[in-house]
Amino acid sequence: MPMPVETLHAYLVQAFPDAEIAIDDLAGDGDHYRARIVSAAFAGLSRVKQHQLVYAALQGHMGGALHALALETSAPPTTG
């Protein structure tokens, strides 16, 4: 059973309430998404660690209800 984009968005907002989140359905099948997430939670973390946080937020659905997720993660730019 594919994961609706609304469900994916809800998981990400719950884990990263401060984030700017944009999700694209790449294949139109509810199974292949690209998510762009900009969150202060990613500040100072490697790309691998950022992606691990996102996968943890999906609570085990990656590889099951969610087949493919292309991630673009970053921290917001610092001002000063």
N, C-alpha and C. Protein backbone atom coordinates (compact mmCIF):
# COMPACT_ATOMS: atom_id res chain seq x y z
N MET A 1 0.85 -1.18 0.00
CA MET A 1 0.00 0.00 0.00
C MET A 1 0.89 1.24 0.00
N PRO A 2 0.80 2.08 -1.02
CA PRO A 2 1.62 3.29 -1.09
C PRO A 2 1.30 4.26 0.05
N MET A 3 2.23 5.17 0.29
CA MET A 3 2.04 6.18 1.33
C MET A 3 1.57 7.48 0.68
N PRO A 4 0.39 7.97 1.06
CA PRO A 4 -0.07 9.26 0.52
C PRO A 4 0.90 10.38 0.90
N VAL A 5 1.02 11.37 0.04
CA VAL A 5 1.91 12.49 0.29
C VAL A 5 1.55 13.19 1.60
N GLU A 6 0.26 13.23 1.93
CA GLU A 6 -0.17 13.88 3.18
C GLU A 6 0.39 13.16 4.40
N THR A 7 0.48 11.84 4.32
CA THR A 7 1.03 11.05 5.43
C THR A 7 2.52 11.30 5.56
N LEU A 8 3.22 11.28 4.43
CA LEU A 8 4.66 11.57 4.44
C LEU A 8 4.91 12.95 5.02
N HIS A 9 4.15 13.94 4.58
CA HIS A 9 4.31 15.30 5.08
C HIS A 9 4.06 15.36 6.59
N ALA A 10 3.05 14.65 7.07
CA ALA A 10 2.73 14.65 8.50
C ALA A 10 3.88 14.08 9.33
N TYR A 11 4.50 13.00 8.86
CA TYR A 11 5.66 12.43 9.58
C TYR A 11 6.79 13.45 9.65
N LEU A 12 7.05 14.13 8.55
CA LEU A 12 8.16 15.07 8.51
C LEU A 12 7.89 16.30 9.37
N VAL A 13 6.66 16.81 9.34
CA VAL A 13 6.32 17.97 10.17
C VAL A 13 6.39 17.62 11.66
N GLN A 14 5.97 16.42 12.00
CA GLN A 14 6.03 15.98 13.40
C GLN A 14 7.49 15.96 13.88
N ALA A 15 8.38 15.48 13.04
CA ALA A 15 9.79 15.37 13.44
C ALA A 15 10.54 16.69 13.33
N PHE A 16 10.14 17.52 12.37
CA PHE A 16 10.85 18.78 12.10
C PHE A 16 9.85 19.92 12.02
N PRO A 17 9.27 20.32 13.16
CA PRO A 17 8.20 21.32 13.15
C PRO A 17 8.63 22.69 12.61
N ASP A 18 9.92 22.99 12.68
CA ASP A 18 10.42 24.29 12.22
C ASP A 18 10.74 24.30 10.73
N ALA A 19 10.65 23.15 10.08
CA ALA A 19 11.21 22.98 8.74
C ALA A 19 10.37 23.58 7.62
N GLU A 20 11.07 23.93 6.56
CA GLU A 20 10.45 24.19 5.27
C GLU A 20 10.50 22.85 4.54
N ILE A 21 9.35 22.34 4.13
CA ILE A 21 9.28 21.01 3.53
C ILE A 21 8.57 21.11 2.18
N ALA A 22 9.20 20.57 1.15
CA ALA A 22 8.58 20.48 -0.17
C ALA A 22 8.69 19.03 -0.63
N ILE A 23 7.57 18.46 -1.05
CA ILE A 23 7.55 17.06 -1.48
C ILE A 23 7.01 16.98 -2.90
N ASP A 24 7.72 16.24 -3.75
CA ASP A 24 7.29 15.99 -5.12
C ASP A 24 7.06 14.50 -5.30
N ASP A 25 5.93 14.14 -5.91
CA ASP A 25 5.65 12.75 -6.27
C ASP A 25 6.31 12.52 -7.63
N LEU A 26 7.40 11.78 -7.66
CA LEU A 26 8.21 11.66 -8.87
C LEU A 26 7.58 10.79 -9.95
N ALA A 27 6.80 9.80 -9.55
CA ALA A 27 6.26 8.85 -10.53
C ALA A 27 4.73 8.88 -10.61
N GLY A 28 4.10 9.66 -9.74
CA GLY A 28 2.64 9.72 -9.73
C GLY A 28 1.98 8.49 -9.15
N ASP A 29 2.78 7.68 -8.44
CA ASP A 29 2.25 6.42 -7.91
C ASP A 29 2.18 6.38 -6.38
N GLY A 30 2.53 7.49 -5.71
CA GLY A 30 2.49 7.52 -4.26
C GLY A 30 3.56 6.64 -3.63
N ASP A 31 4.58 6.31 -4.40
CA ASP A 31 5.59 5.37 -3.94
C ASP A 31 7.01 5.89 -4.12
N HIS A 32 7.17 6.94 -4.93
CA HIS A 32 8.48 7.50 -5.24
C HIS A 32 8.41 9.02 -5.07
N TYR A 33 9.06 9.51 -4.04
CA TYR A 33 9.00 10.93 -3.72
C TYR A 33 10.39 11.56 -3.67
N ARG A 34 10.40 12.87 -3.83
CA ARG A 34 11.57 13.68 -3.50
C ARG A 34 11.12 14.64 -2.42
N ALA A 35 11.90 14.72 -1.35
CA ALA A 35 11.59 15.66 -0.27
C ALA A 35 12.77 16.60 -0.07
N ARG A 36 12.45 17.90 -0.07
CA ARG A 36 13.44 18.92 0.26
C ARG A 36 13.08 19.46 1.63
N ILE A 37 14.01 19.33 2.57
CA ILE A 37 13.75 19.71 3.96
C ILE A 37 14.85 20.64 4.43
N VAL A 38 14.45 21.82 4.88
CA VAL A 38 15.39 22.78 5.46
C VAL A 38 14.99 22.94 6.92
N SER A 39 15.88 22.50 7.82
CA SER A 39 15.56 22.52 9.24
C SER A 39 16.79 22.85 10.07
N ALA A 40 16.59 23.61 11.13
CA ALA A 40 17.68 23.91 12.06
C ALA A 40 18.20 22.64 12.72
N ALA A 41 17.39 21.58 12.75
CA ALA A 41 17.83 20.30 13.34
C ALA A 41 19.03 19.72 12.61
N PHE A 42 19.25 20.15 11.36
CA PHE A 42 20.35 19.61 10.56
C PHE A 42 21.65 20.39 10.72
N ALA A 43 21.63 21.49 11.45
CA ALA A 43 22.81 22.35 11.59
C ALA A 43 23.98 21.56 12.16
N GLY A 44 25.11 21.63 11.50
CA GLY A 44 26.32 21.00 11.99
C GLY A 44 26.40 19.49 11.75
N LEU A 45 25.39 18.91 11.12
CA LEU A 45 25.38 17.47 10.88
C LEU A 45 25.81 17.15 9.46
N SER A 46 26.46 16.00 9.30
CA SER A 46 26.80 15.54 7.96
C SER A 46 25.52 15.19 7.20
N ARG A 47 25.62 15.11 5.89
CA ARG A 47 24.47 14.74 5.07
C ARG A 47 23.95 13.36 5.49
N VAL A 48 24.85 12.44 5.80
CA VAL A 48 24.42 11.10 6.23
C VAL A 48 23.60 11.19 7.51
N LYS A 49 24.06 11.95 8.48
CA LYS A 49 23.33 12.10 9.74
C LYS A 49 21.97 12.77 9.51
N GLN A 50 21.93 13.77 8.63
CA GLN A 50 20.67 14.44 8.31
C GLN A 50 19.68 13.43 7.75
N HIS A 51 20.13 12.61 6.82
CA HIS A 51 19.25 11.62 6.21
C HIS A 51 18.83 10.56 7.21
N GLN A 52 19.71 10.19 8.12
CA GLN A 52 19.34 9.23 9.17
C GLN A 52 18.22 9.78 10.05
N LEU A 53 18.25 11.09 10.34
CA LEU A 53 17.17 11.71 11.11
C LEU A 53 15.84 11.62 10.36
N VAL A 54 15.89 11.85 9.06
CA VAL A 54 14.67 11.77 8.26
C VAL A 54 14.14 10.34 8.25
N TYR A 55 15.02 9.36 8.03
CA TYR A 55 14.57 7.96 8.02
C TYR A 55 13.98 7.57 9.37
N ALA A 56 14.57 8.04 10.45
CA ALA A 56 14.03 7.75 11.79
C ALA A 56 12.64 8.36 11.94
N ALA A 57 12.44 9.54 11.36
CA ALA A 57 11.13 10.21 11.45
C ALA A 57 10.05 9.42 10.74
N LEU A 58 10.43 8.61 9.77
CA LEU A 58 9.46 7.83 8.99
C LEU A 58 9.03 6.55 9.71
N GLN A 59 9.58 6.32 10.88
CA GLN A 59 9.13 5.26 11.78
C GLN A 59 9.01 3.89 11.11
N GLY A 60 10.03 3.52 10.34
CA GLY A 60 10.07 2.19 9.77
C GLY A 60 9.32 2.02 8.46
N HIS A 61 8.74 3.09 7.93
CA HIS A 61 7.97 2.95 6.69
C HIS A 61 8.84 2.97 5.43
N MET A 62 10.10 3.41 5.56
CA MET A 62 10.99 3.43 4.40
C MET A 62 11.25 2.00 3.97
N GLY A 63 11.08 1.73 2.69
CA GLY A 63 11.27 0.37 2.18
C GLY A 63 10.01 -0.47 2.26
N GLY A 64 8.99 0.03 2.96
CA GLY A 64 7.71 -0.66 3.04
C GLY A 64 6.67 0.14 2.27
N ALA A 65 5.88 0.92 3.01
CA ALA A 65 4.87 1.76 2.38
C ALA A 65 5.51 2.82 1.49
N LEU A 66 6.73 3.18 1.82
CA LEU A 66 7.46 4.18 1.06
C LEU A 66 8.64 3.50 0.39
N HIS A 67 8.55 3.34 -0.93
CA HIS A 67 9.57 2.57 -1.65
C HIS A 67 10.83 3.38 -1.92
N ALA A 68 10.68 4.61 -2.39
CA ALA A 68 11.84 5.41 -2.75
C ALA A 68 11.64 6.86 -2.32
N LEU A 69 12.67 7.41 -1.69
CA LEU A 69 12.63 8.79 -1.24
C LEU A 69 13.97 9.43 -1.53
N ALA A 70 13.99 10.36 -2.47
CA ALA A 70 15.19 11.14 -2.75
C ALA A 70 15.18 12.32 -1.79
N LEU A 71 16.26 12.48 -1.05
CA LEU A 71 16.31 13.52 -0.02
C LEU A 71 17.27 14.65 -0.40
N GLU A 72 16.82 15.85 -0.14
CA GLU A 72 17.67 17.04 -0.19
C GLU A 72 17.48 17.72 1.16
N THR A 73 18.49 17.65 2.00
CA THR A 73 18.37 18.22 3.34
C THR A 73 19.43 19.29 3.55
N SER A 74 19.07 20.28 4.36
CA SER A 74 20.03 21.32 4.70
C SER A 74 19.52 22.10 5.91
N ALA A 75 20.45 22.78 6.54
CA ALA A 75 20.10 23.71 7.61
C ALA A 75 19.84 25.07 6.97
N PRO A 76 19.01 25.90 7.61
CA PRO A 76 18.79 27.24 7.06
C PRO A 76 20.09 28.03 7.08
N PRO A 77 20.24 28.99 6.18
CA PRO A 77 21.45 29.80 6.19
C PRO A 77 21.53 30.60 7.49
N THR A 78 22.74 30.77 7.97
CA THR A 78 22.93 31.56 9.18
C THR A 78 23.07 33.02 8.79
N THR A 79 22.54 33.87 9.64
CA THR A 79 22.66 35.31 9.41
C THR A 79 23.58 35.88 10.47
N GLY A 80 24.25 36.91 10.13
CA GLY A 80 25.07 37.47 11.16
C GLY A 80 26.22 38.18 10.63
